[in-house]
Amino acid sequence: RCEPDALAAGSESLALHGEPDAFTVEAMLGAANDVVMIDLDE
C-alpha cells in the first residue's frame, strides 16, 4: 500500500496501519517515549 503508516510512542506504543481514509491499530509495541523511522540496515 502507498498509504502512510504511523508509530505513536507512549505508555503503550502503537503501530498504526494506514488505510485510504483512516489509520487502524496494527500492533502494540510496549512503552516508549520517542520513535523515529529510518532504513537503519540500509
All heavy atoms as atom14 arrays in JSON, in Angstrom:
{
  "sequence": "RCEPDALAAGSESLALHGEPDAFTVEAMLGAANDVVMIDLDE",
  "atom14_mask": [
    [1, 1, 1, 1, 1, 1, 1, 1, 1, 1, 1, 0, 0, 0],
    [1, 1, 1, 1, 1, 1, 0, 0, 0, 0, 0, 0, 0, 0],
    [1, 1, 1, 1, 1, 1, 1, 1, 1, 0, 0, 0, 0, 0],
    [1, 1, 1, 1, 1, 1, 1, 0, 0, 0, 0, 0, 0, 0],
    [1, 1, 1, 1, 1, 1, 1, 1, 0, 0, 0, 0, 0, 0],
    [1, 1, 1, 1, 1, 0, 0, 0, 0, 0, 0, 0, 0, 0],
    [1, 1, 1, 1, 1, 1, 1, 1, 0, 0, 0, 0, 0, 0],
    [1, 1, 1, 1, 1, 0, 0, 0, 0, 0, 0, 0, 0, 0],
    [1, 1, 1, 1, 1, 0, 0, 0, 0, 0, 0, 0, 0, 0],
    [1, 1, 1, 1, 0, 0, 0, 0, 0, 0, 0, 0, 0, 0],
    [1, 1, 1, 1, 1, 1, 0, 0, 0, 0, 0, 0, 0, 0],
    [1, 1, 1, 1, 1, 1, 1, 1, 1, 0, 0, 0, 0, 0],
    [1, 1, 1, 1, 1, 1, 0, 0, 0, 0, 0, 0, 0, 0],
    [1, 1, 1, 1, 1, 1, 1, 1, 0, 0, 0, 0, 0, 0],
    [1, 1, 1, 1, 1, 0, 0, 0, 0, 0, 0, 0, 0, 0],
    [1, 1, 1, 1, 1, 1, 1, 1, 0, 0, 0, 0, 0, 0],
    [1, 1, 1, 1, 1, 1, 1, 1, 1, 1, 0, 0, 0, 0],
    [1, 1, 1, 1, 0, 0, 0, 0, 0, 0, 0, 0, 0, 0],
    [1, 1, 1, 1, 1, 1, 1, 1, 1, 0, 0, 0, 0, 0],
    [1, 1, 1, 1, 1, 1, 1, 0, 0, 0, 0, 0, 0, 0],
    [1, 1, 1, 1, 1, 1, 1, 1, 0, 0, 0, 0, 0, 0],
    [1, 1, 1, 1, 1, 0, 0, 0, 0, 0, 0, 0, 0, 0],
    [1, 1, 1, 1, 1, 1, 1, 1, 1, 1, 1, 0, 0, 0],
    [1, 1, 1, 1, 1, 1, 1, 0, 0, 0, 0, 0, 0, 0],
    [1, 1, 1, 1, 1, 1, 1, 0, 0, 0, 0, 0, 0, 0],
    [1, 1, 1, 1, 1, 1, 1, 1, 1, 0, 0, 0, 0, 0],
    [1, 1, 1, 1, 1, 0, 0, 0, 0, 0, 0, 0, 0, 0],
    [1, 1, 1, 1, 1, 1, 1, 1, 0, 0, 0, 0, 0, 0],
    [1, 1, 1, 1, 1, 1, 1, 1, 0, 0, 0, 0, 0, 0],
    [1, 1, 1, 1, 0, 0, 0, 0, 0, 0, 0, 0, 0, 0],
    [1, 1, 1, 1, 1, 0, 0, 0, 0, 0, 0, 0, 0, 0],
    [1, 1, 1, 1, 1, 0, 0, 0, 0, 0, 0, 0, 0, 0],
    [1, 1, 1, 1, 1, 1, 1, 1, 0, 0, 0, 0, 0, 0],
    [1, 1, 1, 1, 1, 1, 1, 1, 0, 0, 0, 0, 0, 0],
    [1, 1, 1, 1, 1, 1, 1, 0, 0, 0, 0, 0, 0, 0],
    [1, 1, 1, 1, 1, 1, 1, 0, 0, 0, 0, 0, 0, 0],
    [1, 1, 1, 1, 1, 1, 1, 1, 0, 0, 0, 0, 0, 0],
    [1, 1, 1, 1, 1, 1, 1, 1, 0, 0, 0, 0, 0, 0],
    [1, 1, 1, 1, 1, 1, 1, 1, 0, 0, 0, 0, 0, 0],
    [1, 1, 1, 1, 1, 1, 1, 1, 0, 0, 0, 0, 0, 0],
    [1, 1, 1, 1, 1, 1, 1, 1, 0, 0, 0, 0, 0, 0],
    [1, 1, 1, 1, 1, 1, 1, 1, 1, 0, 0, 0, 0, 0]
  ],
  "atom14_positions": [
    [[0.82, -1.2, 0.0], [0.0, 0.0, 0.0], [0.86, 1.25, 0.0], [1.94, 1.27, 0.55], [-0.92, 0.03, 1.23], [-2.03, -1.01, 1.22], [-2.84, -0.9, 2.5], [-3.93, -1.86, 2.55], [-5.16, -1.59, 2.14], [-5.44, -0.4, 1.65], [-6.11, -2.5, 2.22], [0.0, 0.0, 0.0], [0.0, 0.0, 0.0], [0.0, 0.0, 0.0]],
    [[0.32, 2.31, -0.6], [1.02, 3.59, -0.59], [0.61, 4.47, 0.58], [1.26, 5.47, 0.86], [0.75, 4.36, -1.88], [1.48, 3.59, -3.35], [0.0, 0.0, 0.0], [0.0, 0.0, 0.0], [0.0, 0.0, 0.0], [0.0, 0.0, 0.0], [0.0, 0.0, 0.0], [0.0, 0.0, 0.0], [0.0, 0.0, 0.0], [0.0, 0.0, 0.0]],
    [[-0.51, 4.13, 1.25], [-0.97, 4.98, 2.34], [0.08, 5.04, 3.45], [0.65, 4.02, 3.81], [-2.29, 4.45, 2.9], [-3.49, 4.74, 2.04], [-3.6, 3.82, 0.84], [-2.96, 2.74, 0.88], [-4.27, 4.16, -0.13], [0.0, 0.0, 0.0], [0.0, 0.0, 0.0], [0.0, 0.0, 0.0], [0.0, 0.0, 0.0], [0.0, 0.0, 0.0]],
    [[0.3, 6.22, 4.01], [1.26, 6.35, 5.09], [0.81, 5.57, 6.33], [-0.39, 5.43, 6.6], [1.29, 7.86, 5.38], [0.73, 8.49, 4.15], [-0.26, 7.53, 3.6], [0.0, 0.0, 0.0], [0.0, 0.0, 0.0], [0.0, 0.0, 0.0], [0.0, 0.0, 0.0], [0.0, 0.0, 0.0], [0.0, 0.0, 0.0], [0.0, 0.0, 0.0]],
    [[1.77, 5.07, 7.07], [1.54, 4.43, 8.36], [2.08, 5.36, 9.44], [2.69, 6.39, 9.15], [2.24, 3.07, 8.41], [1.87, 2.2, 7.22], [0.69, 1.9, 7.06], [2.77, 1.86, 6.43], [0.0, 0.0, 0.0], [0.0, 0.0, 0.0], [0.0, 0.0, 0.0], [0.0, 0.0, 0.0], [0.0, 0.0, 0.0], [0.0, 0.0, 0.0]],
    [[1.84, 5.0, 10.7], [2.31, 5.84, 11.8], [2.71, 4.98, 12.98], [2.2, 3.88, 13.17], [1.22, 6.84, 12.21], [0.0, 0.0, 0.0], [0.0, 0.0, 0.0], [0.0, 0.0, 0.0], [0.0, 0.0, 0.0], [0.0, 0.0, 0.0], [0.0, 0.0, 0.0], [0.0, 0.0, 0.0], [0.0, 0.0, 0.0], [0.0, 0.0, 0.0]],
    [[3.62, 5.51, 13.76], [4.01, 4.91, 15.03], [3.84, 5.96, 16.1], [4.34, 7.09, 15.97], [5.47, 4.44, 14.99], [5.75, 3.23, 14.1], [7.24, 3.08, 13.89], [5.19, 1.97, 14.73], [0.0, 0.0, 0.0], [0.0, 0.0, 0.0], [0.0, 0.0, 0.0], [0.0, 0.0, 0.0], [0.0, 0.0, 0.0], [0.0, 0.0, 0.0]],
    [[3.12, 5.61, 17.16], [2.87, 6.53, 18.27], [3.55, 5.99, 19.51], [3.22, 4.89, 19.98], [1.37, 6.69, 18.5], [0.0, 0.0, 0.0], [0.0, 0.0, 0.0], [0.0, 0.0, 0.0], [0.0, 0.0, 0.0], [0.0, 0.0, 0.0], [0.0, 0.0, 0.0], [0.0, 0.0, 0.0], [0.0, 0.0, 0.0], [0.0, 0.0, 0.0]],
    [[4.52, 6.74, 20.04], [5.25, 6.32, 21.23], [4.54, 6.82, 22.47], [4.21, 8.0, 22.58], [6.68, 6.85, 21.19], [0.0, 0.0, 0.0], [0.0, 0.0, 0.0], [0.0, 0.0, 0.0], [0.0, 0.0, 0.0], [0.0, 0.0, 0.0], [0.0, 0.0, 0.0], [0.0, 0.0, 0.0], [0.0, 0.0, 0.0], [0.0, 0.0, 0.0]],
    [[4.31, 5.9, 23.42], [3.64, 6.28, 24.65], [3.75, 5.16, 25.66], [4.55, 4.24, 25.52], [0.0, 0.0, 0.0], [0.0, 0.0, 0.0], [0.0, 0.0, 0.0], [0.0, 0.0, 0.0], [0.0, 0.0, 0.0], [0.0, 0.0, 0.0], [0.0, 0.0, 0.0], [0.0, 0.0, 0.0], [0.0, 0.0, 0.0], [0.0, 0.0, 0.0]],
    [[2.93, 5.22, 26.71], [2.95, 4.16, 27.72], [2.59, 2.82, 27.12], [3.04, 1.77, 27.6], [2.0, 4.51, 28.86], [0.67, 4.68, 28.37], [0.0, 0.0, 0.0], [0.0, 0.0, 0.0], [0.0, 0.0, 0.0], [0.0, 0.0, 0.0], [0.0, 0.0, 0.0], [0.0, 0.0, 0.0], [0.0, 0.0, 0.0], [0.0, 0.0, 0.0]],
    [[1.79, 2.84, 26.05], [1.57, 1.66, 25.21], [1.69, 2.1, 23.77], [0.74, 2.63, 23.19], [0.2, 1.02, 25.48], [-0.04, -0.25, 24.68], [1.05, -1.3, 24.84], [1.11, -1.91, 25.92], [1.85, -1.48, 23.89], [0.0, 0.0, 0.0], [0.0, 0.0, 0.0], [0.0, 0.0, 0.0], [0.0, 0.0, 0.0], [0.0, 0.0, 0.0]],
    [[2.88, 1.94, 23.2], [3.13, 2.42, 21.84], [2.35, 1.59, 20.83], [2.15, 0.39, 21.02], [4.63, 2.37, 21.52], [5.36, 3.13, 22.45], [0.0, 0.0, 0.0], [0.0, 0.0, 0.0], [0.0, 0.0, 0.0], [0.0, 0.0, 0.0], [0.0, 0.0, 0.0], [0.0, 0.0, 0.0], [0.0, 0.0, 0.0], [0.0, 0.0, 0.0]],
    [[1.92, 2.26, 19.76], [1.09, 1.61, 18.76], [1.69, 1.76, 17.38], [2.23, 2.82, 17.03], [-0.32, 2.22, 18.75], [-1.14, 2.12, 20.03], [-2.47, 2.85, 19.84], [-1.38, 0.67, 20.41], [0.0, 0.0, 0.0], [0.0, 0.0, 0.0], [0.0, 0.0, 0.0], [0.0, 0.0, 0.0], [0.0, 0.0, 0.0], [0.0, 0.0, 0.0]],
    [[1.59, 0.7, 16.57], [1.82, 0.78, 15.13], [0.46, 0.95, 14.48], [-0.44, 0.13, 14.68], [2.51, -0.48, 14.63], [0.0, 0.0, 0.0], [0.0, 0.0, 0.0], [0.0, 0.0, 0.0], [0.0, 0.0, 0.0], [0.0, 0.0, 0.0], [0.0, 0.0, 0.0], [0.0, 0.0, 0.0], [0.0, 0.0, 0.0], [0.0, 0.0, 0.0]],
    [[0.31, 2.04, 13.72], [-0.96, 2.35, 13.06], [-0.84, 2.09, 11.57], [0.06, 2.63, 10.91], [-1.36, 3.8, 13.32], [-1.49, 4.22, 14.78], [-1.84, 5.69, 14.88], [-2.53, 3.37, 15.5], [0.0, 0.0, 0.0], [0.0, 0.0, 0.0], [0.0, 0.0, 0.0], [0.0, 0.0, 0.0], [0.0, 0.0, 0.0], [0.0, 0.0, 0.0]],
    [[-1.73, 1.27, 11.05], [-1.73, 0.92, 9.63], [-2.56, 1.93, 8.86], [-3.69, 2.23, 9.22], [-2.29, -0.49, 9.45], [-2.42, -0.91, 8.02], [-1.34, -1.19, 7.23], [-3.52, -1.07, 7.23], [-1.75, -1.53, 6.02], [-3.06, -1.46, 6.0], [0.0, 0.0, 0.0], [0.0, 0.0, 0.0], [0.0, 0.0, 0.0], [0.0, 0.0, 0.0]],
    [[-2.01, 2.45, 7.78], [-2.71, 3.45, 7.0], [-3.67, 2.84, 5.99], [-3.26, 2.05, 5.14], [0.0, 0.0, 0.0], [0.0, 0.0, 0.0], [0.0, 0.0, 0.0], [0.0, 0.0, 0.0], [0.0, 0.0, 0.0], [0.0, 0.0, 0.0], [0.0, 0.0, 0.0], [0.0, 0.0, 0.0], [0.0, 0.0, 0.0], [0.0, 0.0, 0.0]],
    [[-4.93, 3.19, 6.1], [-5.95, 2.87, 5.11], [-6.18, 4.12, 4.25], [-5.66, 5.19, 4.56], [-7.24, 2.45, 5.81], [-7.1, 1.26, 6.75], [-6.89, -0.06, 6.02], [-7.09, -0.08, 4.78], [-6.54, -1.06, 6.66], [0.0, 0.0, 0.0], [0.0, 0.0, 0.0], [0.0, 0.0, 0.0], [0.0, 0.0, 0.0], [0.0, 0.0, 0.0]],
    [[-6.99, 4.01, 3.17], [-7.19, 5.18, 2.31], [-7.69, 6.42, 3.03], [-7.32, 7.54, 2.69], [-8.2, 4.67, 1.27], [-7.92, 3.21, 1.18], [-7.56, 2.79, 2.56], [0.0, 0.0, 0.0], [0.0, 0.0, 0.0], [0.0, 0.0, 0.0], [0.0, 0.0, 0.0], [0.0, 0.0, 0.0], [0.0, 0.0, 0.0], [0.0, 0.0, 0.0]],
    [[-8.52, 6.27, 4.07], [-9.08, 7.43, 4.74], [-8.9, 7.41, 6.25], [-9.48, 8.26, 6.94], [-10.58, 7.56, 4.42], [-10.82, 7.81, 2.95], [-10.21, 8.73, 2.39], [-11.62, 7.06, 2.35], [0.0, 0.0, 0.0], [0.0, 0.0, 0.0], [0.0, 0.0, 0.0], [0.0, 0.0, 0.0], [0.0, 0.0, 0.0], [0.0, 0.0, 0.0]],
    [[-8.14, 6.47, 6.79], [-8.03, 6.38, 8.24], [-6.83, 5.52, 8.62], [-6.25, 4.8, 7.79], [-9.31, 5.79, 8.83], [0.0, 0.0, 0.0], [0.0, 0.0, 0.0], [0.0, 0.0, 0.0], [0.0, 0.0, 0.0], [0.0, 0.0, 0.0], [0.0, 0.0, 0.0], [0.0, 0.0, 0.0], [0.0, 0.0, 0.0], [0.0, 0.0, 0.0]],
    [[-6.47, 5.58, 9.9], [-5.47, 4.7, 10.49], [-6.17, 3.68, 11.38], [-7.13, 4.02, 12.09], [-4.47, 5.5, 11.34], [-3.56, 6.39, 10.56], [-3.86, 7.73, 10.38], [-2.38, 5.9, 10.02], [-3.01, 8.57, 9.67], [-1.52, 6.72, 9.3], [-1.84, 8.05, 9.13], [0.0, 0.0, 0.0], [0.0, 0.0, 0.0], [0.0, 0.0, 0.0]],
    [[-5.69, 2.46, 11.35], [-6.18, 1.42, 12.24], [-5.01, 0.86, 13.04], [-3.87, 0.89, 12.6], [-6.86, 0.28, 11.47], [-5.92, -0.3, 10.55], [-8.07, 0.8, 10.69], [0.0, 0.0, 0.0], [0.0, 0.0, 0.0], [0.0, 0.0, 0.0], [0.0, 0.0, 0.0], [0.0, 0.0, 0.0], [0.0, 0.0, 0.0], [0.0, 0.0, 0.0]],
    [[-5.31, 0.32, 14.23], [-4.26, -0.22, 15.08], [-3.79, -1.55, 14.5], [-4.58, -2.48, 14.28], [-4.77, -0.41, 16.52], [-3.69, -1.08, 17.36], [-5.16, 0.93, 17.12], [0.0, 0.0, 0.0], [0.0, 0.0, 0.0], [0.0, 0.0, 0.0], [0.0, 0.0, 0.0], [0.0, 0.0, 0.0], [0.0, 0.0, 0.0], [0.0, 0.0, 0.0]],
    [[-2.5, -1.64, 14.23], [-1.91, -2.87, 13.71], [-1.25, -3.7, 14.79], [-1.38, -4.93, 14.83], [-0.88, -2.54, 12.63], [-0.17, -3.77, 12.07], [0.97, -3.42, 11.15], [1.4, -2.25, 11.13], [1.46, -4.33, 10.45], [0.0, 0.0, 0.0], [0.0, 0.0, 0.0], [0.0, 0.0, 0.0], [0.0, 0.0, 0.0], [0.0, 0.0, 0.0]],
    [[-0.49, -3.05, 15.68], [0.26, -3.79, 16.7], [0.52, -2.9, 17.9], [0.6, -1.67, 17.78], [1.58, -4.3, 16.13], [0.0, 0.0, 0.0], [0.0, 0.0, 0.0], [0.0, 0.0, 0.0], [0.0, 0.0, 0.0], [0.0, 0.0, 0.0], [0.0, 0.0, 0.0], [0.0, 0.0, 0.0], [0.0, 0.0, 0.0], [0.0, 0.0, 0.0]],
    [[0.65, -3.54, 19.07], [1.04, -2.86, 20.3], [2.5, -3.16, 20.55], [2.93, -4.31, 20.48], [0.15, -3.29, 21.45], [-1.33, -3.07, 21.17], [-2.44, -3.6, 22.51], [-2.14, -2.29, 23.7], [0.0, 0.0, 0.0], [0.0, 0.0, 0.0], [0.0, 0.0, 0.0], [0.0, 0.0, 0.0], [0.0, 0.0, 0.0], [0.0, 0.0, 0.0]],
    [[3.29, -2.12, 20.84], [4.75, -2.24, 20.84], [5.39, -2.0, 22.19], [6.62, -1.95, 22.28], [5.33, -1.26, 19.82], [4.77, -1.36, 18.39], [5.34, -0.25, 17.52], [5.06, -2.72, 17.78], [0.0, 0.0, 0.0], [0.0, 0.0, 0.0], [0.0, 0.0, 0.0], [0.0, 0.0, 0.0], [0.0, 0.0, 0.0], [0.0, 0.0, 0.0]],
    [[4.62, -1.86, 23.25], [5.2, -1.62, 24.57], [5.49, -0.16, 24.82], [5.21, 0.71, 24.0], [0.0, 0.0, 0.0], [0.0, 0.0, 0.0], [0.0, 0.0, 0.0], [0.0, 0.0, 0.0], [0.0, 0.0, 0.0], [0.0, 0.0, 0.0], [0.0, 0.0, 0.0], [0.0, 0.0, 0.0], [0.0, 0.0, 0.0], [0.0, 0.0, 0.0]],
    [[6.05, 0.13, 25.97], [6.29, 1.51, 26.38], [7.48, 2.12, 25.65], [8.51, 1.47, 25.46], [6.52, 1.57, 27.89], [0.0, 0.0, 0.0], [0.0, 0.0, 0.0], [0.0, 0.0, 0.0], [0.0, 0.0, 0.0], [0.0, 0.0, 0.0], [0.0, 0.0, 0.0], [0.0, 0.0, 0.0], [0.0, 0.0, 0.0], [0.0, 0.0, 0.0]],
    [[7.33, 3.37, 25.25], [8.42, 4.13, 24.63], [8.12, 5.61, 24.78], [6.96, 6.02, 24.88], [8.58, 3.77, 23.16], [0.0, 0.0, 0.0], [0.0, 0.0, 0.0], [0.0, 0.0, 0.0], [0.0, 0.0, 0.0], [0.0, 0.0, 0.0], [0.0, 0.0, 0.0], [0.0, 0.0, 0.0], [0.0, 0.0, 0.0], [0.0, 0.0, 0.0]],
    [[9.16, 6.43, 24.79], [8.97, 7.87, 24.88], [9.31, 8.6, 23.59], [8.98, 9.78, 23.44], [9.81, 8.45, 26.02], [11.3, 8.28, 25.76], [11.82, 7.19, 25.97], [11.98, 9.33, 25.32], [0.0, 0.0, 0.0], [0.0, 0.0, 0.0], [0.0, 0.0, 0.0], [0.0, 0.0, 0.0], [0.0, 0.0, 0.0], [0.0, 0.0, 0.0]],
    [[9.95, 7.91, 22.64], [10.29, 8.55, 21.37], [10.34, 7.47, 20.29], [10.57, 6.29, 20.58], [11.63, 9.28, 21.46], [11.76, 10.39, 20.42], [10.84, 10.57, 19.6], [12.79, 11.09, 20.42], [0.0, 0.0, 0.0], [0.0, 0.0, 0.0], [0.0, 0.0, 0.0], [0.0, 0.0, 0.0], [0.0, 0.0, 0.0], [0.0, 0.0, 0.0]],
    [[10.13, 7.89, 19.05], [10.15, 6.95, 17.93], [10.54, 7.69, 16.66], [10.18, 8.85, 16.47], [8.77, 6.27, 17.75], [7.67, 7.31, 17.48], [8.79, 5.22, 16.65], [0.0, 0.0, 0.0], [0.0, 0.0, 0.0], [0.0, 0.0, 0.0], [0.0, 0.0, 0.0], [0.0, 0.0, 0.0], [0.0, 0.0, 0.0], [0.0, 0.0, 0.0]],
    [[11.32, 7.02, 15.82], [11.68, 7.54, 14.5], [11.61, 6.41, 13.5], [11.62, 5.23, 13.87], [13.1, 8.15, 14.48], [13.16, 9.4, 15.35], [14.15, 7.15, 14.93], [0.0, 0.0, 0.0], [0.0, 0.0, 0.0], [0.0, 0.0, 0.0], [0.0, 0.0, 0.0], [0.0, 0.0, 0.0], [0.0, 0.0, 0.0], [0.0, 0.0, 0.0]],
    [[11.53, 6.74, 12.22], [11.61, 5.76, 11.14], [12.82, 6.08, 10.27], [13.04, 7.23, 9.9], [10.34, 5.77, 10.29], [9.12, 5.18, 10.96], [7.77, 4.99, 9.78], [6.42, 4.57, 10.86], [0.0, 0.0, 0.0], [0.0, 0.0, 0.0], [0.0, 0.0, 0.0], [0.0, 0.0, 0.0], [0.0, 0.0, 0.0], [0.0, 0.0, 0.0]],
    [[13.59, 5.03, 9.96], [14.78, 5.18, 9.13], [15.16, 3.79, 8.63], [14.87, 2.78, 9.29], [15.94, 5.81, 9.94], [17.12, 6.16, 9.03], [16.36, 4.91, 11.09], [18.22, 6.96, 9.73], [0.0, 0.0, 0.0], [0.0, 0.0, 0.0], [0.0, 0.0, 0.0], [0.0, 0.0, 0.0], [0.0, 0.0, 0.0], [0.0, 0.0, 0.0]],
    [[15.77, 3.71, 7.48], [16.29, 2.44, 6.97], [17.62, 2.16, 7.65], [18.68, 2.43, 7.12], [16.45, 2.52, 5.44], [16.93, 1.22, 4.83], [16.99, 0.19, 5.55], [17.26, 1.23, 3.63], [0.0, 0.0, 0.0], [0.0, 0.0, 0.0], [0.0, 0.0, 0.0], [0.0, 0.0, 0.0], [0.0, 0.0, 0.0], [0.0, 0.0, 0.0]],
    [[17.55, 1.61, 8.86], [18.74, 1.51, 9.71], [19.77, 0.56, 9.12], [20.98, 0.81, 9.21], [18.34, 1.06, 11.11], [19.42, 1.19, 12.18], [19.81, 2.64, 12.39], [18.97, 0.56, 13.5], [0.0, 0.0, 0.0], [0.0, 0.0, 0.0], [0.0, 0.0, 0.0], [0.0, 0.0, 0.0], [0.0, 0.0, 0.0], [0.0, 0.0, 0.0]],
    [[19.33, -0.56, 8.52], [20.27, -1.53, 7.97], [20.5, -1.34, 6.48], [21.17, -2.15, 5.84], [19.81, -2.96, 8.26], [18.39, -3.22, 7.75], [17.73, -2.26, 7.29], [17.94, -4.37, 7.84], [0.0, 0.0, 0.0], [0.0, 0.0, 0.0], [0.0, 0.0, 0.0], [0.0, 0.0, 0.0], [0.0, 0.0, 0.0], [0.0, 0.0, 0.0]],
    [[19.91, -0.29, 5.91], [20.16, 0.11, 4.51], [19.86, -1.01, 3.51], [20.6, -1.21, 2.55], [21.6, 0.61, 4.37], [21.88, 1.83, 5.24], [23.33, 1.93, 5.65], [24.19, 1.49, 4.88], [23.6, 2.42, 6.76], [0.0, 0.0, 0.0], [0.0, 0.0, 0.0], [0.0, 0.0, 0.0], [0.0, 0.0, 0.0], [0.0, 0.0, 0.0]]
  ]
}
